[in-house]
Amino acid sequence: MSSSNSSKSGKDRAVYSEFGNATNSEALKRSVPDLPANQQQVRVETSRSGRKGKTVTIVRGFQASPETLADLLKKLKTLCGAGGTAKENELEIQGDHKQKIVEFLVKAGYKAKGSGG
């Protein structure tokens, strides 16, 4: 009996895997529904907590793919003339631009509202 023969025939010799087969990456991806703009409830708020006193405008409530969010983020950064980032279906724009962003999103077809004080 040759144990080296059995190791050559089977590439993956894992006995147990908690999260399934890692080679099937398509099954592991989270599906994010890319809803049309008019079906999304979006909230725009300003925040300073945890940012050393710097004000940022946060846009929450998107149900869109990362590519769509990246495109929208680029448009908002250009509109406001400020930097920003996308984090977990949220967009953060540096500075207080709540009114401008709400107006832009409403024109783009989103159901956007200002939130907070």
PDB file of N, CA and C in Angstrom:
ATOM      1  N   MET A   1       0.828  -1.181   0.000  1.00  0.00           N
ATOM      2  CA  MET A   1       0.000   0.000   0.000  1.00  0.00           C
ATOM      3  C   MET A   1       0.866   1.236   0.000  1.00  0.00           C
ATOM      4  N   SER A   2       0.591   2.075  -0.951  1.00  0.00           N
ATOM      5  CA  SER A   2       1.431   3.263  -1.119  1.00  0.00           C
ATOM      6  C   SER A   2       0.648   4.507  -0.709  1.00  0.00           C
ATOM      7  N   SER A   3       1.103   5.146   0.353  1.00  0.00           N
ATOM      8  CA  SER A   3       0.421   6.353   0.801  1.00  0.00           C
ATOM      9  C   SER A   3       0.786   7.550  -0.067  1.00  0.00           C
ATOM     10  N   SER A   4       1.942   7.504  -0.726  1.00  0.00           N
ATOM     11  CA  SER A   4       2.327   8.614  -1.593  1.00  0.00           C
ATOM     12  C   SER A   4       1.458   8.657  -2.834  1.00  0.00           C
ATOM     13  N   ASN A   5       0.938   7.512  -3.249  1.00  0.00           N
ATOM     14  CA  ASN A   5       0.075   7.456  -4.413  1.00  0.00           C
ATOM     15  C   ASN A   5      -1.238   8.176  -4.149  1.00  0.00           C
ATOM     16  N   SER A   6      -1.800   8.010  -2.947  1.00  0.00           N
ATOM     17  CA  SER A   6      -3.079   8.632  -2.631  1.00  0.00           C
ATOM     18  C   SER A   6      -2.937  10.147  -2.473  1.00  0.00           C
ATOM     19  N   SER A   7      -1.767  10.630  -2.036  1.00  0.00           N
ATOM     20  CA  SER A   7      -1.592  12.067  -1.883  1.00  0.00           C
ATOM     21  C   SER A   7      -1.447  12.761  -3.225  1.00  0.00           C
ATOM     22  N   LYS A   8      -0.968  12.049  -4.230  1.00  0.00           N
ATOM     23  CA  LYS A   8      -0.832  12.647  -5.565  1.00  0.00           C
ATOM     24  C   LYS A   8      -2.185  12.758  -6.257  1.00  0.00           C
ATOM     25  N   SER A   9      -3.072  11.814  -6.008  1.00  0.00           N
ATOM     26  CA  SER A   9      -4.356  11.815  -6.694  1.00  0.00           C
ATOM     27  C   SER A   9      -5.304  12.873  -6.143  1.00  0.00           C
ATOM     28  N   GLY A  10      -5.214  13.164  -4.861  1.00  0.00           N
ATOM     29  CA  GLY A  10      -6.097  14.162  -4.268  1.00  0.00           C
ATOM     30  C   GLY A  10      -5.344  15.439  -3.944  1.00  0.00           C
ATOM     31  N   LYS A  11      -5.654  16.525  -4.624  1.00  0.00           N
ATOM     32  CA  LYS A  11      -4.964  17.794  -4.377  1.00  0.00           C
ATOM     33  C   LYS A  11      -5.318  18.356  -3.013  1.00  0.00           C
ATOM     34  N   ASP A  12      -6.607  18.486  -2.752  1.00  0.00           N
ATOM     35  CA  ASP A  12      -7.078  19.071  -1.505  1.00  0.00           C
ATOM     36  C   ASP A  12      -7.377  17.951  -0.520  1.00  0.00           C
ATOM     37  N   ARG A  13      -6.564  17.846   0.490  1.00  0.00           N
ATOM     38  CA  ARG A  13      -6.734  16.773   1.455  1.00  0.00           C
ATOM     39  C   ARG A  13      -7.364  17.284   2.736  1.00  0.00           C
ATOM     40  N   ALA A  14      -8.130  18.347   2.679  1.00  0.00           N
ATOM     41  CA  ALA A  14      -8.770  18.886   3.875  1.00  0.00           C
ATOM     42  C   ALA A  14      -9.816  17.902   4.380  1.00  0.00           C
ATOM     43  N   VAL A  15      -9.791  17.670   5.658  1.00  0.00           N
ATOM     44  CA  VAL A  15     -10.734  16.753   6.266  1.00  0.00           C
ATOM     45  C   VAL A  15     -12.043  17.475   6.556  1.00  0.00           C
ATOM     46  N   TYR A  16     -11.944  18.748   6.980  1.00  0.00           N
ATOM     47  CA  TYR A  16     -13.127  19.504   7.350  1.00  0.00           C
ATOM     48  C   TYR A  16     -12.919  20.962   6.966  1.00  0.00           C
ATOM     49  N   SER A  17     -13.935  21.572   6.414  1.00  0.00           N
ATOM     50  CA  SER A  17     -13.881  22.991   6.087  1.00  0.00           C
ATOM     51  C   SER A  17     -15.201  23.620   6.497  1.00  0.00           C
ATOM     52  N   GLU A  18     -15.142  24.609   7.375  1.00  0.00           N
ATOM     53  CA  GLU A  18     -16.352  25.195   7.931  1.00  0.00           C
ATOM     54  C   GLU A  18     -17.135  26.007   6.912  1.00  0.00           C
ATOM     55  N   PHE A  19     -16.439  26.664   5.997  1.00  0.00           N
ATOM     56  CA  PHE A  19     -17.115  27.576   5.075  1.00  0.00           C
ATOM     57  C   PHE A  19     -17.192  27.037   3.668  1.00  0.00           C
ATOM     58  N   GLY A  20     -17.096  25.761   3.483  1.00  0.00           N
ATOM     59  CA  GLY A  20     -17.259  25.171   2.163  1.00  0.00           C
ATOM     60  C   GLY A  20     -15.995  25.246   1.348  1.00  0.00           C
ATOM     61  N   ASN A  21     -16.148  25.032   0.071  1.00  0.00           N
ATOM     62  CA  ASN A  21     -15.029  24.994  -0.853  1.00  0.00           C
ATOM     63  C   ASN A  21     -14.584  26.408  -1.196  1.00  0.00           C
ATOM     64  N   ALA A  22     -13.334  26.742  -0.922  1.00  0.00           N
ATOM     65  CA  ALA A  22     -12.830  28.096  -1.162  1.00  0.00           C
ATOM     66  C   ALA A  22     -12.663  28.383  -2.653  1.00  0.00           C
ATOM     67  N   THR A  23     -12.619  27.350  -3.487  1.00  0.00           N
ATOM     68  CA  THR A  23     -12.445  27.583  -4.913  1.00  0.00           C
ATOM     69  C   THR A  23     -13.732  28.064  -5.568  1.00  0.00           C
ATOM     70  N   ASN A  24     -14.862  27.887  -4.908  1.00  0.00           N
ATOM     71  CA  ASN A  24     -16.141  28.336  -5.446  1.00  0.00           C
ATOM     72  C   ASN A  24     -16.438  29.740  -4.923  1.00  0.00           C
ATOM     73  N   SER A  25     -15.670  30.725  -5.393  1.00  0.00           N
ATOM     74  CA  SER A  25     -15.786  32.086  -4.876  1.00  0.00           C
ATOM     75  C   SER A  25     -17.092  32.766  -5.289  1.00  0.00           C
ATOM     76  N   GLU A  26     -17.681  32.349  -6.389  1.00  0.00           N
ATOM     77  CA  GLU A  26     -18.949  32.946  -6.823  1.00  0.00           C
ATOM     78  C   GLU A  26     -20.051  32.690  -5.799  1.00  0.00           C
ATOM     79  N   ALA A  27     -20.035  31.534  -5.178  1.00  0.00           N
ATOM     80  CA  ALA A  27     -21.061  31.201  -4.192  1.00  0.00           C
ATOM     81  C   ALA A  27     -20.851  31.955  -2.889  1.00  0.00           C
ATOM     82  N   LEU A  28     -19.618  32.385  -2.619  1.00  0.00           N
ATOM     83  CA  LEU A  28     -19.326  33.071  -1.372  1.00  0.00           C
ATOM     84  C   LEU A  28     -19.582  34.573  -1.424  1.00  0.00           C
ATOM     85  N   LYS A  29     -19.739  35.138  -2.617  1.00  0.00           N
ATOM     86  CA  LYS A  29     -19.975  36.573  -2.741  1.00  0.00           C
ATOM     87  C   LYS A  29     -21.357  36.924  -2.228  1.00  0.00           C
ATOM     88  N   ARG A  30     -21.448  38.075  -1.514  1.00  0.00           N
ATOM     89  CA  ARG A  30     -22.752  38.560  -1.062  1.00  0.00           C
ATOM     90  C   ARG A  30     -23.468  39.184  -2.236  1.00  0.00           C
ATOM     91  N   SER A  31     -24.697  38.816  -2.406  1.00  0.00           N
ATOM     92  CA  SER A  31     -25.454  39.441  -3.481  1.00  0.00           C
ATOM     93  C   SER A  31     -26.068  40.738  -2.962  1.00  0.00           C
ATOM     94  N   VAL A  32     -25.809  41.820  -3.677  1.00  0.00           N
ATOM     95  CA  VAL A  32     -26.340  43.122  -3.305  1.00  0.00           C
ATOM     96  C   VAL A  32     -27.322  43.529  -4.397  1.00  0.00           C
ATOM     97  N   PRO A  33     -28.587  43.690  -4.030  1.00  0.00           N
ATOM     98  CA  PRO A  33     -29.543  44.101  -5.053  1.00  0.00           C
ATOM     99  C   PRO A  33     -29.252  45.528  -5.511  1.00  0.00           C
ATOM    100  N   ASP A  34     -29.142  45.716  -6.803  1.00  0.00           N
ATOM    101  CA  ASP A  34     -28.865  47.036  -7.358  1.00  0.00           C
ATOM    102  C   ASP A  34     -30.206  47.658  -7.734  1.00  0.00           C
ATOM    103  N   LEU A  35     -30.863  48.263  -6.731  1.00  0.00           N
ATOM    104  CA  LEU A  35     -32.188  48.834  -6.937  1.00  0.00           C
ATOM    105  C   LEU A  35     -32.108  50.138  -7.719  1.00  0.00           C
ATOM    106  N   PRO A  36     -33.153  50.453  -8.467  1.00  0.00           N
ATOM    107  CA  PRO A  36     -33.197  51.759  -9.136  1.00  0.00           C
ATOM    108  C   PRO A  36     -33.215  52.886  -8.105  1.00  0.00           C
ATOM    109  N   ALA A  37     -32.782  54.047  -8.529  1.00  0.00           N
ATOM    110  CA  ALA A  37     -32.659  55.195  -7.620  1.00  0.00           C
ATOM    111  C   ALA A  37     -33.992  55.554  -6.967  1.00  0.00           C
ATOM    112  N   ASN A  38     -35.096  55.468  -7.698  1.00  0.00           N
ATOM    113  CA  ASN A  38     -36.384  55.891  -7.147  1.00  0.00           C
ATOM    114  C   ASN A  38     -36.943  54.928  -6.109  1.00  0.00           C
ATOM    115  N   GLN A  39     -36.320  53.770  -5.912  1.00  0.00           N
ATOM    116  CA  GLN A  39     -36.790  52.811  -4.909  1.00  0.00           C
ATOM    117  C   GLN A  39     -35.913  52.798  -3.655  1.00  0.00           C
ATOM    118  N   GLN A  40     -34.978  53.728  -3.561  1.00  0.00           N
ATOM    119  CA  GLN A  40     -34.056  53.743  -2.432  1.00  0.00           C
ATOM    120  C   GLN A  40     -34.328  54.916  -1.497  1.00  0.00           C
ATOM    121  N   GLN A  41     -34.411  54.621  -0.209  1.00  0.00           N
ATOM    122  CA  GLN A  41     -34.557  55.639   0.827  1.00  0.00           C
ATOM    123  C   GLN A  41     -33.159  55.983   1.337  1.00  0.00           C
ATOM    124  N   VAL A  42     -32.710  57.202   1.085  1.00  0.00           N
ATOM    125  CA  VAL A  42     -31.353  57.602   1.441  1.00  0.00           C
ATOM    126  C   VAL A  42     -31.406  58.707   2.487  1.00  0.00           C
ATOM    127  N   ARG A  43     -30.556  58.615   3.501  1.00  0.00           N
ATOM    128  CA  ARG A  43     -30.460  59.625   4.561  1.00  0.00           C
ATOM    129  C   ARG A  43     -29.117  60.316   4.476  1.00  0.00           C
ATOM    130  N   VAL A  44     -29.142  61.631   4.637  1.00  0.00           N
ATOM    131  CA  VAL A  44     -27.925  62.435   4.599  1.00  0.00           C
ATOM    132  C   VAL A  44     -27.799  63.141   5.939  1.00  0.00           C
ATOM    133  N   GLU A  45     -26.652  62.958   6.601  1.00  0.00           N
ATOM    134  CA  GLU A  45     -26.444  63.587   7.902  1.00  0.00           C
ATOM    135  C   GLU A  45     -25.002  64.051   8.024  1.00  0.00           C
ATOM    136  N   THR A  46     -24.787  64.988   8.934  1.00  0.00           N
ATOM    137  CA  THR A  46     -23.427  65.439   9.222  1.00  0.00           C
ATOM    138  C   THR A  46     -23.013  64.885  10.575  1.00  0.00           C
ATOM    139  N   SER A  47     -21.729  64.614  10.704  1.00  0.00           N
ATOM    140  CA  SER A  47     -21.224  64.032  11.932  1.00  0.00           C
ATOM    141  C   SER A  47     -19.809  64.526  12.198  1.00  0.00           C
ATOM    142  N   ARG A  48     -19.471  64.613  13.500  1.00  0.00           N
ATOM    143  CA  ARG A  48     -18.109  64.967  13.887  1.00  0.00           C
ATOM    144  C   ARG A  48     -17.531  63.960  14.859  1.00  0.00           C
ATOM    145  N   SER A  49     -18.328  62.995  15.282  1.00  0.00           N
ATOM    146  CA  SER A  49     -17.881  62.066  16.320  1.00  0.00           C
ATOM    147  C   SER A  49     -16.812  61.118  15.782  1.00  0.00           C
ATOM    148  N   GLY A  50     -15.742  60.975  16.545  1.00  0.00           N
ATOM    149  CA  GLY A  50     -14.677  60.067  16.187  1.00  0.00           C
ATOM    150  C   GLY A  50     -13.779  60.540  15.076  1.00  0.00           C
ATOM    151  N   ARG A  51     -13.832  61.832  14.765  1.00  0.00           N
ATOM    152  CA  ARG A  51     -13.042  62.361  13.650  1.00  0.00           C
ATOM    153  C   ARG A  51     -12.207  63.565  14.059  1.00  0.00           C
ATOM    154  N   LYS A  52     -11.876  63.657  15.329  1.00  0.00           N
ATOM    155  CA  LYS A  52     -11.048  64.734  15.867  1.00  0.00           C
ATOM    156  C   LYS A  52     -11.615  66.117  15.547  1.00  0.00           C
ATOM    157  N   GLY A  53     -12.942  66.256  15.613  1.00  0.00           N
ATOM    158  CA  GLY A  53     -13.582  67.546  15.415  1.00  0.00           C
ATOM    159  C   GLY A  53     -13.854  67.913  13.972  1.00  0.00           C
ATOM    160  N   LYS A  54     -13.428  67.094  13.024  1.00  0.00           N
ATOM    161  CA  LYS A  54     -13.675  67.384  11.608  1.00  0.00           C
ATOM    162  C   LYS A  54     -15.096  66.972  11.241  1.00  0.00           C
ATOM    163  N   THR A  55     -15.759  67.797  10.459  1.00  0.00           N
ATOM    164  CA  THR A  55     -17.127  67.505  10.043  1.00  0.00           C
ATOM    165  C   THR A  55     -17.110  66.711   8.741  1.00  0.00           C
ATOM    166  N   VAL A  56     -17.924  65.662   8.689  1.00  0.00           N
ATOM    167  CA  VAL A  56     -18.115  64.909   7.455  1.00  0.00           C
ATOM    168  C   VAL A  56     -19.610  64.753   7.212  1.00  0.00           C
ATOM    169  N   THR A  57     -19.975  64.644   5.955  1.00  0.00           N
ATOM    170  CA  THR A  57     -21.354  64.395   5.566  1.00  0.00           C
ATOM    171  C   THR A  57     -21.466  62.926   5.201  1.00  0.00           C
ATOM    172  N   ILE A  58     -22.387  62.217   5.840  1.00  0.00           N
ATOM    173  CA  ILE A  58     -22.552  60.780   5.633  1.00  0.00           C
ATOM    174  C   ILE A  58     -23.863  60.536   4.890  1.00  0.00           C
ATOM    175  N   VAL A  59     -23.795  59.748   3.828  1.00  0.00           N
ATOM    176  CA  VAL A  59     -24.975  59.373   3.051  1.00  0.00           C
ATOM    177  C   VAL A  59     -25.183  57.885   3.262  1.00  0.00           C
ATOM    178  N   ARG A  60     -26.338  57.508   3.866  1.00  0.00           N
ATOM    179  CA  ARG A  60     -26.631  56.117   4.219  1.00  0.00           C
ATOM    180  C   ARG A  60     -27.880  55.616   3.516  1.00  0.00           C
ATOM    181  N   GLY A  61     -27.988  54.291   3.455  1.00  0.00           N
ATOM    182  CA  GLY A  61     -29.223  53.673   2.973  1.00  0.00           C
ATOM    183  C   GLY A  61     -29.168  53.190   1.541  1.00  0.00           C
ATOM    184  N   PHE A  62     -27.985  53.142   0.948  1.00  0.00           N
ATOM    185  CA  PHE A  62     -27.876  52.689  -0.436  1.00  0.00           C
ATOM    186  C   PHE A  62     -28.015  51.178  -0.520  1.00  0.00           C
ATOM    187  N   GLN A  63     -28.681  50.728  -1.548  1.00  0.00           N
ATOM    188  CA  GLN A  63     -28.752  49.316  -1.886  1.00  0.00           C
ATOM    189  C   GLN A  63     -28.293  49.206  -3.332  1.00  0.00           C
ATOM    190  N   ALA A  64     -26.981  49.280  -3.492  1.00  0.00           N
ATOM    191  CA  ALA A  64     -26.406  49.299  -4.827  1.00  0.00           C
ATOM    192  C   ALA A  64     -25.071  48.578  -4.822  1.00  0.00           C
ATOM    193  N   SER A  65     -24.607  48.246  -6.005  1.00  0.00           N
ATOM    194  CA  SER A  65     -23.323  47.562  -6.147  1.00  0.00           C
ATOM    195  C   SER A  65     -22.185  48.532  -5.839  1.00  0.00           C
ATOM    196  N   PRO A  66     -21.023  48.025  -5.491  1.00  0.00           N
ATOM    197  CA  PRO A  66     -19.876  48.897  -5.206  1.00  0.00           C
ATOM    198  C   PRO A  66     -19.483  49.778  -6.394  1.00  0.00           C
ATOM    199  N   GLU A  67     -19.685  49.297  -7.607  1.00  0.00           N
ATOM    200  CA  GLU A  67     -19.362  50.093  -8.794  1.00  0.00           C
ATOM    201  C   GLU A  67     -20.276  51.310  -8.901  1.00  0.00           C
ATOM    202  N   THR A  68     -21.561  51.115  -8.618  1.00  0.00           N
ATOM    203  CA  THR A  68     -22.520  52.217  -8.649  1.00  0.00           C
ATOM    204  C   THR A  68     -22.191  53.245  -7.575  1.00  0.00           C
ATOM    205  N   LEU A  69     -21.836  52.758  -6.378  1.00  0.00           N
ATOM    206  CA  LEU A  69     -21.479  53.671  -5.292  1.00  0.00           C
ATOM    207  C   LEU A  69     -20.210  54.451  -5.616  1.00  0.00           C
ATOM    208  N   ALA A  70     -19.238  53.804  -6.241  1.00  0.00           N
ATOM    209  CA  ALA A  70     -17.998  54.486  -6.595  1.00  0.00           C
ATOM    210  C   ALA A  70     -18.267  55.590  -7.610  1.00  0.00           C
ATOM    211  N   ASP A  71     -19.149  55.333  -8.564  1.00  0.00           N
ATOM    212  CA  ASP A  71     -19.499  56.341  -9.566  1.00  0.00           C
ATOM    213  C   ASP A  71     -20.221  57.520  -8.915  1.00  0.00           C
ATOM    214  N   LEU A  72     -21.164  57.236  -8.023  1.00  0.00           N
ATOM    215  CA  LEU A  72     -21.899  58.293  -7.329  1.00  0.00           C
ATOM    216  C   LEU A  72     -20.975  59.083  -6.411  1.00  0.00           C
ATOM    217  N   LEU A  73     -20.042  58.406  -5.746  1.00  0.00           N
ATOM    218  CA  LEU A  73     -19.084  59.085  -4.876  1.00  0.00           C
ATOM    219  C   LEU A  73     -18.241  60.075  -5.667  1.00  0.00           C
ATOM    220  N   LYS A  74     -17.818  59.676  -6.837  1.00  0.00           N
ATOM    221  CA  LYS A  74     -17.007  60.568  -7.675  1.00  0.00           C
ATOM    222  C   LYS A  74     -17.798  61.824  -8.046  1.00  0.00           C
ATOM    223  N   LYS A  75     -19.061  61.662  -8.386  1.00  0.00           N
ATOM    224  CA  LYS A  75     -19.902  62.816  -8.736  1.00  0.00           C
ATOM    225  C   LYS A  75     -20.096  63.745  -7.535  1.00  0.00           C
ATOM    226  N   LEU A  76     -20.324  63.148  -6.356  1.00  0.00           N
ATOM    227  CA  LEU A  76     -20.534  63.967  -5.156  1.00  0.00           C
ATOM    228  C   LEU A  76     -19.267  64.706  -4.749  1.00  0.00           C
ATOM    229  N   LYS A  77     -18.126  64.071  -4.865  1.00  0.00           N
ATOM    230  CA  LYS A  77     -16.862  64.730  -4.524  1.00  0.00           C
ATOM    231  C   LYS A  77     -16.598  65.895  -5.465  1.00  0.00           C
ATOM    232  N   THR A  78     -16.926  65.727  -6.738  1.00  0.00           N
ATOM    233  CA  THR A  78     -16.763  66.816  -7.702  1.00  0.00           C
ATOM    234  C   THR A  78     -17.727  67.954  -7.392  1.00  0.00           C
ATOM    235  N   LEU A  79     -18.978  67.630  -7.070  1.00  0.00           N
ATOM    236  CA  LEU A  79     -19.984  68.628  -6.738  1.00  0.00           C
ATOM    237  C   LEU A  79     -19.559  69.473  -5.541  1.00  0.00           C
ATOM    238  N   CYS A  80     -19.034  68.803  -4.513  1.00  0.00           N
ATOM    239  CA  CYS A  80     -18.701  69.496  -3.269  1.00  0.00           C
ATOM    240  C   CYS A  80     -17.279  70.049  -3.263  1.00  0.00           C
ATOM    241  N   GLY A  81     -16.450  69.606  -4.173  1.00  0.00           N
ATOM    242  CA  GLY A  81     -15.064  70.048  -4.185  1.00  0.00           C
ATOM    243  C   GLY A  81     -14.323  69.570  -2.947  1.00  0.00           C
ATOM    244  N   ALA A  82     -14.588  68.332  -2.552  1.00  0.00           N
ATOM    245  CA  ALA A  82     -14.006  67.795  -1.322  1.00  0.00           C
ATOM    246  C   ALA A  82     -13.655  66.330  -1.521  1.00  0.00           C
ATOM    247  N   GLY A  83     -12.892  65.796  -0.597  1.00  0.00           N
ATOM    248  CA  GLY A  83     -12.543  64.382  -0.627  1.00  0.00           C
ATOM    249  C   GLY A  83     -13.643  63.554  -0.010  1.00  0.00           C
ATOM    250  N   GLY A  84     -13.522  62.257  -0.165  1.00  0.00           N
ATOM    251  CA  GLY A  84     -14.512  61.375   0.418  1.00  0.00           C
ATOM    252  C   GLY A  84     -14.140  59.926   0.222  1.00  0.00           C
ATOM    253  N   THR A  85     -14.951  59.050   0.808  1.00  0.00           N
ATOM    254  CA  THR A  85     -14.709  57.620   0.713  1.00  0.00           C
ATOM    255  C   THR A  85     -16.025  56.859   0.794  1.00  0.00           C
ATOM    256  N   ALA A  86     -15.980  55.606   0.358  1.00  0.00           N
ATOM    257  CA  ALA A  86     -17.135  54.709   0.462  1.00  0.00           C
ATOM    258  C   ALA A  86     -16.798  53.621   1.465  1.00  0.00           C
ATOM    259  N   LYS A  87     -17.663  53.442   2.461  1.00  0.00           N
ATOM    260  CA  LYS A  87     -17.469  52.418   3.483  1.00  0.00           C
ATOM    261  C   LYS A  87     -18.774  51.673   3.709  1.00  0.00           C
ATOM    262  N   GLU A  88     -18.814  50.399   3.377  1.00  0.00           N
ATOM    263  CA  GLU A  88     -19.954  49.527   3.672  1.00  0.00           C
ATOM    264  C   GLU A  88     -21.306  50.156   3.317  1.00  0.00           C
ATOM    265  N   ASN A  89     -21.537  50.437   2.085  1.00  0.00           N
ATOM    266  CA  ASN A  89     -22.777  51.025   1.582  1.00  0.00           C
ATOM    267  C   ASN A  89     -23.069  52.397   2.178  1.00  0.00           C
ATOM    268  N   GLU A  90     -22.048  53.105   2.598  1.00  0.00           N
ATOM    269  CA  GLU A  90     -22.161  54.492   3.052  1.00  0.00           C
ATOM    270  C   GLU A  90     -21.148  55.317   2.293  1.00  0.00           C
ATOM    271  N   LEU A  91     -21.499  56.561   2.039  1.00  0.00           N
ATOM    272  CA  LEU A  91     -20.561  57.495   1.426  1.00  0.00           C
ATOM    273  C   LEU A  91     -20.240  58.572   2.442  1.00  0.00           C
ATOM    274  N   GLU A  92     -18.965  58.909   2.584  1.00  0.00           N
ATOM    275  CA  GLU A  92     -18.543  59.983   3.480  1.00  0.00           C
ATOM    276  C   GLU A  92     -17.861  61.053   2.644  1.00  0.00           C
ATOM    277  N   ILE A  93     -18.360  62.275   2.756  1.00  0.00           N
ATOM    278  CA  ILE A  93     -17.784  63.426   2.069  1.00  0.00           C
ATOM    279  C   ILE A  93     -17.247  64.376   3.131  1.00  0.00           C
ATOM    280  N   GLN A  94     -16.026  64.843   2.958  1.00  0.00           N
ATOM    281  CA  GLN A  94     -15.427  65.741   3.936  1.00  0.00           C
ATOM    282  C   GLN A  94     -16.112  67.099   3.897  1.00  0.00           C
ATOM    283  N   GLY A  95     -16.470  67.607   5.070  1.00  0.00           N
ATOM    284  CA  GLY A  95     -17.109  68.916   5.183  1.00  0.00           C
ATOM    285  C   GLY A  95     -18.602  68.804   5.364  1.00  0.00           C
ATOM    286  N   ASP A  96     -19.242  69.961   5.564  1.00  0.00           N
ATOM    287  CA  ASP A  96     -20.689  70.024   5.765  1.00  0.00           C
ATOM    288  C   ASP A  96     -21.350  70.410   4.449  1.00  0.00           C
ATOM    289  N   HIS A  97     -21.830  69.419   3.706  1.00  0.00           N
ATOM    290  CA  HIS A  97     -22.443  69.647   2.392  1.00  0.00           C
ATOM    291  C   HIS A  97     -23.820  68.988   2.316  1.00  0.00           C
ATOM    292  N   LYS A  98     -24.516  68.926   3.454  1.00  0.00           N
ATOM    293  CA  LYS A  98     -25.779  68.195   3.521  1.00  0.00           C
ATOM    294  C   LYS A  98     -26.808  68.722   2.520  1.00  0.00           C
ATOM    295  N   GLN A  99     -26.999  70.023   2.469  1.00  0.00           N
ATOM    296  CA  GLN A  99     -28.023  70.606   1.600  1.00  0.00           C
ATOM    297  C   GLN A  99     -27.725  70.351   0.122  1.00  0.00           C
ATOM    298  N   LYS A 100     -26.471  70.549  -0.285  1.00  0.00           N
ATOM    299  CA  LYS A 100     -26.078  70.320  -1.684  1.00  0.00           C
ATOM    300  C   LYS A 100     -26.298  68.865  -2.089  1.00  0.00           C
ATOM    301  N   ILE A 101     -25.927  67.947  -1.197  1.00  0.00           N
ATOM    302  CA  ILE A 101     -26.022  66.527  -1.522  1.00  0.00           C
ATOM    303  C   ILE A 101     -27.474  66.078  -1.601  1.00  0.00           C
ATOM    304  N   VAL A 102     -28.330  66.566  -0.692  1.00  0.00           N
ATOM    305  CA  VAL A 102     -29.750  66.215  -0.743  1.00  0.00           C
ATOM    306  C   VAL A 102     -30.364  66.695  -2.060  1.00  0.00           C
ATOM    307  N   GLU A 103     -30.070  67.931  -2.451  1.00  0.00           N
ATOM    308  CA  GLU A 103     -30.610  68.457  -3.709  1.00  0.00           C
ATOM    309  C   GLU A 103     -30.123  67.639  -4.904  1.00  0.00           C
ATOM    310  N   PHE A 104     -28.839  67.279  -4.916  1.00  0.00           N
ATOM    311  CA  PHE A 104     -28.288  66.495  -6.019  1.00  0.00           C
ATOM    312  C   PHE A 104     -28.942  65.124  -6.110  1.00  0.00           C
ATOM    313  N   LEU A 105     -29.115  64.458  -4.958  1.00  0.00           N
ATOM    314  CA  LEU A 105     -29.694  63.122  -4.958  1.00  0.00           C
ATOM    315  C   LEU A 105     -31.161  63.131  -5.368  1.00  0.00           C
ATOM    316  N   VAL A 106     -31.902  64.166  -4.962  1.00  0.00           N
ATOM    317  CA  VAL A 106     -33.305  64.271  -5.365  1.00  0.00           C
ATOM    318  C   VAL A 106     -33.406  64.463  -6.880  1.00  0.00           C
ATOM    319  N   LYS A 107     -32.530  65.305  -7.446  1.00  0.00           N
ATOM    320  CA  LYS A 107     -32.511  65.479  -8.901  1.00  0.00           C
ATOM    321  C   LYS A 107     -32.122  64.203  -9.620  1.00  0.00           C
ATOM    322  N   ALA A 108     -31.267  63.373  -8.976  1.00  0.00           N
ATOM    323  CA  ALA A 108     -30.840  62.108  -9.583  1.00  0.00           C
ATOM    324  C   ALA A 108     -31.892  61.019  -9.437  1.00  0.00           C
ATOM    325  N   GLY A 109     -32.977  61.299  -8.691  1.00  0.00           N
ATOM    326  CA  GLY A 109     -34.078  60.354  -8.590  1.00  0.00           C
ATOM    327  C   GLY A 109     -34.160  59.601  -7.282  1.00  0.00           C
ATOM    328  N   TYR A 110     -33.242  59.829  -6.372  1.00  0.00           N
ATOM    329  CA  TYR A 110     -33.274  59.151  -5.079  1.00  0.00           C
ATOM    330  C   TYR A 110     -34.298  59.821  -4.163  1.00  0.00           C
ATOM    331  N   LYS A 111     -34.841  59.045  -3.219  1.00  0.00           N
ATOM    332  CA  LYS A 111     -35.701  59.597  -2.177  1.00  0.00           C
ATOM    333  C   LYS A 111     -34.779  59.966  -1.026  1.00  0.00           C
ATOM    334  N   ALA A 112     -34.253  61.164  -1.042  1.00  0.00           N
ATOM    335  CA  ALA A 112     -33.248  61.589  -0.061  1.00  0.00           C
ATOM    336  C   ALA A 112     -33.844  62.578   0.929  1.00  0.00           C
ATOM    337  N   LYS A 113     -33.426  62.427   2.187  1.00  0.00           N
ATOM    338  CA  LYS A 113     -33.859  63.337   3.250  1.00  0.00           C
ATOM    339  C   LYS A 113     -32.670  63.658   4.116  1.00  0.00           C
ATOM    340  N   GLY A 114     -32.693  64.874   4.667  1.00  0.00           N
ATOM    341  CA  GLY A 114     -31.686  65.252   5.647  1.00  0.00           C
ATOM    342  C   GLY A 114     -32.042  64.623   6.983  1.00  0.00           C
ATOM    343  N   SER A 115     -31.042  64.195   7.708  1.00  0.00           N
ATOM    344  CA  SER A 115     -31.260  63.548   8.979  1.00  0.00           C
ATOM    345  C   SER A 115     -30.390  64.215  10.030  1.00  0.00           C
ATOM    346  N   GLY A 116     -30.834  64.221  11.255  1.00  0.00           N
ATOM    347  CA  GLY A 116     -30.052  64.830  12.324  1.00  0.00           C
ATOM    348  C   GLY A 116     -30.273  66.330  12.401  1.00  0.00           C
ATOM    349  N   GLY A 117     -29.431  67.008  13.183  1.00  0.00           N
ATOM    350  CA  GLY A 117     -29.621  68.434  13.447  1.00  0.00           C
ATOM    351  C   GLY A 117     -28.924  69.317  12.581  1.00  0.00           C
TER     352      GLY A 117
END
